[in-house]
Amino acid sequence: MALTELPREAQQTERLIRSGGPFPYAKDGVWFGNRERQLPRRERGYYREYTVPTPGAHNRGARRIVCGGAKVREPETCYYTDDHYASFRRIAQ
Protein backbone atom coordinates (compact mmCIF):
# COMPACT_ATOMS: atom_id res chain seq x y z
CA MET A 1 0.00 0.00 0.00
CA ALA A 2 1.14 3.53 -0.63
CA LEU A 3 2.17 5.68 2.31
CA THR A 4 -0.54 8.15 1.34
CA GLU A 5 -3.17 5.41 1.84
CA LEU A 6 -2.27 5.08 5.51
CA PRO A 7 -4.16 6.96 8.23
CA ARG A 8 -2.69 10.39 8.98
CA GLU A 9 -1.30 9.12 12.32
CA ALA A 10 0.56 6.31 10.53
CA GLN A 11 2.07 8.76 8.07
CA GLN A 12 3.29 10.85 11.03
CA THR A 13 4.76 7.75 12.70
CA GLU A 14 6.58 6.82 9.49
CA ARG A 15 8.12 10.32 9.37
CA LEU A 16 9.24 9.93 13.01
CA ILE A 17 10.88 6.59 12.17
CA ARG A 18 12.90 8.15 9.36
CA SER A 19 13.91 11.14 11.48
CA GLY A 20 14.85 9.04 14.52
CA GLY A 21 12.07 10.28 16.82
CA PRO A 22 11.29 11.45 19.37
CA PHE A 23 8.64 8.78 19.83
CA PRO A 24 5.60 9.24 22.08
CA TYR A 25 5.65 5.72 23.56
CA ALA A 26 8.45 4.06 25.55
CA LYS A 27 8.07 0.80 23.60
CA ASP A 28 8.53 2.46 20.20
CA GLY A 29 11.60 1.13 18.42
CA VAL A 30 11.84 -2.09 20.42
CA TRP A 31 12.61 -5.42 18.82
CA PHE A 32 9.60 -7.13 17.23
CA GLY A 33 9.76 -10.92 17.49
CA ASN A 34 7.37 -11.82 14.65
CA ARG A 35 5.93 -14.62 16.84
CA GLU A 36 2.75 -14.54 14.77
CA ARG A 37 4.87 -15.34 11.69
CA GLN A 38 2.88 -12.95 9.54
CA LEU A 39 6.02 -11.26 8.22
CA PRO A 40 8.85 -12.85 6.22
CA ARG A 41 11.28 -14.76 8.46
CA ARG A 42 14.42 -12.81 9.23
CA GLU A 43 17.20 -12.96 11.79
CA ARG A 44 16.48 -11.99 15.38
CA GLY A 45 16.52 -8.23 15.87
CA TYR A 46 15.73 -7.42 12.23
CA TYR A 47 12.26 -5.99 12.92
CA ARG A 48 11.34 -3.06 15.18
CA GLU A 49 7.83 -1.90 16.06
CA TYR A 50 6.32 1.54 16.46
CA THR A 51 2.94 2.58 17.81
CA VAL A 52 0.52 4.38 15.52
CA PRO A 53 -1.71 6.49 17.81
CA THR A 54 -5.40 5.65 17.67
CA PRO A 55 -7.72 8.62 18.26
CA GLY A 56 -9.90 7.99 21.31
CA ALA A 57 -7.87 5.00 22.56
CA HIS A 58 -6.87 5.11 26.23
CA ASN A 59 -3.89 2.84 25.64
CA ARG A 60 -1.52 2.18 22.71
CA GLY A 61 -4.34 0.77 20.61
CA ALA A 62 -3.95 -1.91 17.95
CA ARG A 63 -2.19 0.01 15.18
CA ARG A 64 1.55 -0.43 14.55
CA ILE A 65 4.22 0.03 11.96
CA VAL A 66 6.88 -2.68 11.93
CA CYS A 67 10.09 -1.95 10.02
CA GLY A 68 13.07 -4.13 9.23
CA GLY A 69 16.64 -3.53 8.28
CA ALA A 70 20.08 -2.78 9.63
CA LYS A 71 19.64 1.01 9.61
CA VAL A 72 16.81 2.14 11.88
CA ARG A 73 16.32 5.48 10.09
CA GLU A 74 16.57 3.84 6.67
CA PRO A 75 14.52 0.65 6.94
CA GLU A 76 14.61 -1.85 4.08
CA THR A 77 10.90 -2.57 4.47
CA CYS A 78 7.96 -1.47 6.62
CA TYR A 79 4.55 -2.99 7.29
CA TYR A 80 1.34 -1.57 8.73
CA THR A 81 -1.14 -3.41 10.95
CA ASP A 82 -4.38 -2.05 12.33
CA ASP A 83 -5.40 -5.28 14.07
CA HIS A 84 -2.51 -5.85 16.51
CA TYR A 85 -0.40 -8.18 14.33
CA ALA A 86 -3.21 -10.38 12.95
CA SER A 87 -2.46 -9.05 9.45
CA PHE A 88 0.04 -6.75 7.81
CA ARG A 89 0.23 -4.68 4.64
CA ARG A 90 3.59 -3.77 3.16
CA ILE A 91 4.15 -0.03 2.82
CA ALA A 92 5.56 0.90 -0.60
CA GLN A 93 8.73 2.97 -0.31
C-alpha atoms as a PDB file:
ATOM      1  CA  MET A   1       0.000   0.000   0.000  1.00  0.00           C
ATOM      2  CA  ALA A   2       1.135   3.533  -0.635  1.00  0.00           C
ATOM      3  CA  LEU A   3       2.175   5.677   2.315  1.00  0.00           C
ATOM      4  CA  THR A   4      -0.541   8.150   1.339  1.00  0.00           C
ATOM      5  CA  GLU A   5      -3.168   5.412   1.837  1.00  0.00           C
ATOM      6  CA  LEU A   6      -2.272   5.077   5.514  1.00  0.00           C
ATOM      7  CA  PRO A   7      -4.155   6.957   8.234  1.00  0.00           C
ATOM      8  CA  ARG A   8      -2.691  10.393   8.980  1.00  0.00           C
ATOM      9  CA  GLU A   9      -1.303   9.123  12.317  1.00  0.00           C
ATOM     10  CA  ALA A  10       0.561   6.305  10.534  1.00  0.00           C
ATOM     11  CA  GLN A  11       2.067   8.756   8.069  1.00  0.00           C
ATOM     12  CA  GLN A  12       3.290  10.845  11.026  1.00  0.00           C
ATOM     13  CA  THR A  13       4.761   7.745  12.702  1.00  0.00           C
ATOM     14  CA  GLU A  14       6.581   6.822   9.492  1.00  0.00           C
ATOM     15  CA  ARG A  15       8.121  10.316   9.375  1.00  0.00           C
ATOM     16  CA  LEU A  16       9.240   9.927  13.008  1.00  0.00           C
ATOM     17  CA  ILE A  17      10.878   6.588  12.170  1.00  0.00           C
ATOM     18  CA  ARG A  18      12.904   8.148   9.358  1.00  0.00           C
ATOM     19  CA  SER A  19      13.912  11.137  11.480  1.00  0.00           C
ATOM     20  CA  GLY A  20      14.849   9.044  14.516  1.00  0.00           C
ATOM     21  CA  GLY A  21      12.070  10.279  16.815  1.00  0.00           C
ATOM     22  CA  PRO A  22      11.293  11.446  19.374  1.00  0.00           C
ATOM     23  CA  PHE A  23       8.641   8.783  19.831  1.00  0.00           C
ATOM     24  CA  PRO A  24       5.605   9.239  22.078  1.00  0.00           C
ATOM     25  CA  TYR A  25       5.653   5.715  23.564  1.00  0.00           C
ATOM     26  CA  ALA A  26       8.450   4.056  25.554  1.00  0.00           C
ATOM     27  CA  LYS A  27       8.073   0.805  23.596  1.00  0.00           C
ATOM     28  CA  ASP A  28       8.528   2.456  20.199  1.00  0.00           C
ATOM     29  CA  GLY A  29      11.600   1.131  18.417  1.00  0.00           C
ATOM     30  CA  VAL A  30      11.840  -2.089  20.417  1.00  0.00           C
ATOM     31  CA  TRP A  31      12.606  -5.415  18.816  1.00  0.00           C
ATOM     32  CA  PHE A  32       9.597  -7.133  17.231  1.00  0.00           C
ATOM     33  CA  GLY A  33       9.761 -10.921  17.495  1.00  0.00           C
ATOM     34  CA  ASN A  34       7.368 -11.824  14.647  1.00  0.00           C
ATOM     35  CA  ARG A  35       5.929 -14.616  16.837  1.00  0.00           C
ATOM     36  CA  GLU A  36       2.746 -14.539  14.765  1.00  0.00           C
ATOM     37  CA  ARG A  37       4.872 -15.345  11.686  1.00  0.00           C
ATOM     38  CA  GLN A  38       2.876 -12.953   9.536  1.00  0.00           C
ATOM     39  CA  LEU A  39       6.024 -11.259   8.218  1.00  0.00           C
ATOM     40  CA  PRO A  40       8.854 -12.852   6.218  1.00  0.00           C
ATOM     41  CA  ARG A  41      11.277 -14.761   8.455  1.00  0.00           C
ATOM     42  CA  ARG A  42      14.418 -12.814   9.231  1.00  0.00           C
ATOM     43  CA  GLU A  43      17.205 -12.958  11.794  1.00  0.00           C
ATOM     44  CA  ARG A  44      16.477 -11.992  15.385  1.00  0.00           C
ATOM     45  CA  GLY A  45      16.519  -8.227  15.868  1.00  0.00           C
ATOM     46  CA  TYR A  46      15.726  -7.419  12.226  1.00  0.00           C
ATOM     47  CA  TYR A  47      12.258  -5.987  12.925  1.00  0.00           C
ATOM     48  CA  ARG A  48      11.338  -3.058  15.182  1.00  0.00           C
ATOM     49  CA  GLU A  49       7.825  -1.904  16.061  1.00  0.00           C
ATOM     50  CA  TYR A  50       6.319   1.537  16.457  1.00  0.00           C
ATOM     51  CA  THR A  51       2.939   2.584  17.813  1.00  0.00           C
ATOM     52  CA  VAL A  52       0.520   4.375  15.524  1.00  0.00           C
ATOM     53  CA  PRO A  53      -1.705   6.487  17.807  1.00  0.00           C
ATOM     54  CA  THR A  54      -5.399   5.652  17.666  1.00  0.00           C
ATOM     55  CA  PRO A  55      -7.716   8.620  18.261  1.00  0.00           C
ATOM     56  CA  GLY A  56      -9.900   7.992  21.313  1.00  0.00           C
ATOM     57  CA  ALA A  57      -7.866   5.005  22.561  1.00  0.00           C
ATOM     58  CA  HIS A  58      -6.870   5.107  26.231  1.00  0.00           C
ATOM     59  CA  ASN A  59      -3.887   2.835  25.636  1.00  0.00           C
ATOM     60  CA  ARG A  60      -1.517   2.179  22.714  1.00  0.00           C
ATOM     61  CA  GLY A  61      -4.341   0.771  20.608  1.00  0.00           C
ATOM     62  CA  ALA A  62      -3.947  -1.906  17.946  1.00  0.00           C
ATOM     63  CA  ARG A  63      -2.186   0.009  15.179  1.00  0.00           C
ATOM     64  CA  ARG A  64       1.549  -0.426  14.553  1.00  0.00           C
ATOM     65  CA  ILE A  65       4.216   0.030  11.955  1.00  0.00           C
ATOM     66  CA  VAL A  66       6.877  -2.682  11.925  1.00  0.00           C
ATOM     67  CA  CYS A  67      10.092  -1.950  10.023  1.00  0.00           C
ATOM     68  CA  GLY A  68      13.073  -4.128   9.229  1.00  0.00           C
ATOM     69  CA  GLY A  69      16.644  -3.526   8.282  1.00  0.00           C
ATOM     70  CA  ALA A  70      20.077  -2.779   9.628  1.00  0.00           C
ATOM     71  CA  LYS A  71      19.637   1.005   9.606  1.00  0.00           C
ATOM     72  CA  VAL A  72      16.806   2.139  11.883  1.00  0.00           C
ATOM     73  CA  ARG A  73      16.318   5.477  10.086  1.00  0.00           C
ATOM     74  CA  GLU A  74      16.568   3.837   6.666  1.00  0.00           C
ATOM     75  CA  PRO A  75      14.519   0.651   6.938  1.00  0.00           C
ATOM     76  CA  GLU A  76      14.605  -1.848   4.085  1.00  0.00           C
ATOM     77  CA  THR A  77      10.898  -2.566   4.474  1.00  0.00           C
ATOM     78  CA  CYS A  78       7.959  -1.473   6.618  1.00  0.00           C
ATOM     79  CA  TYR A  79       4.551  -2.988   7.290  1.00  0.00           C
ATOM     80  CA  TYR A  80       1.339  -1.567   8.733  1.00  0.00           C
ATOM     81  CA  THR A  81      -1.137  -3.412  10.954  1.00  0.00           C
ATOM     82  CA  ASP A  82      -4.381  -2.050  12.334  1.00  0.00           C
ATOM     83  CA  ASP A  83      -5.404  -5.277  14.073  1.00  0.00           C
ATOM     84  CA  HIS A  84      -2.511  -5.854  16.510  1.00  0.00           C
ATOM     85  CA  TYR A  85      -0.398  -8.181  14.334  1.00  0.00           C
ATOM     86  CA  ALA A  86      -3.211 -10.375  12.951  1.00  0.00           C
ATOM     87  CA  SER A  87      -2.464  -9.051   9.455  1.00  0.00           C
ATOM     88  CA  PHE A  88       0.043  -6.746   7.806  1.00  0.00           C
ATOM     89  CA  ARG A  89       0.228  -4.681   4.637  1.00  0.00           C
ATOM     90  CA  ARG A  90       3.595  -3.766   3.163  1.00  0.00           C
ATOM     91  CA  ILE A  91       4.154  -0.026   2.818  1.00  0.00           C
ATOM     92  CA  ALA A  92       5.561   0.903  -0.596  1.00  0.00           C
ATOM     93  CA  GLN A  93       8.730   2.965  -0.309  1.00  0.00           C
END
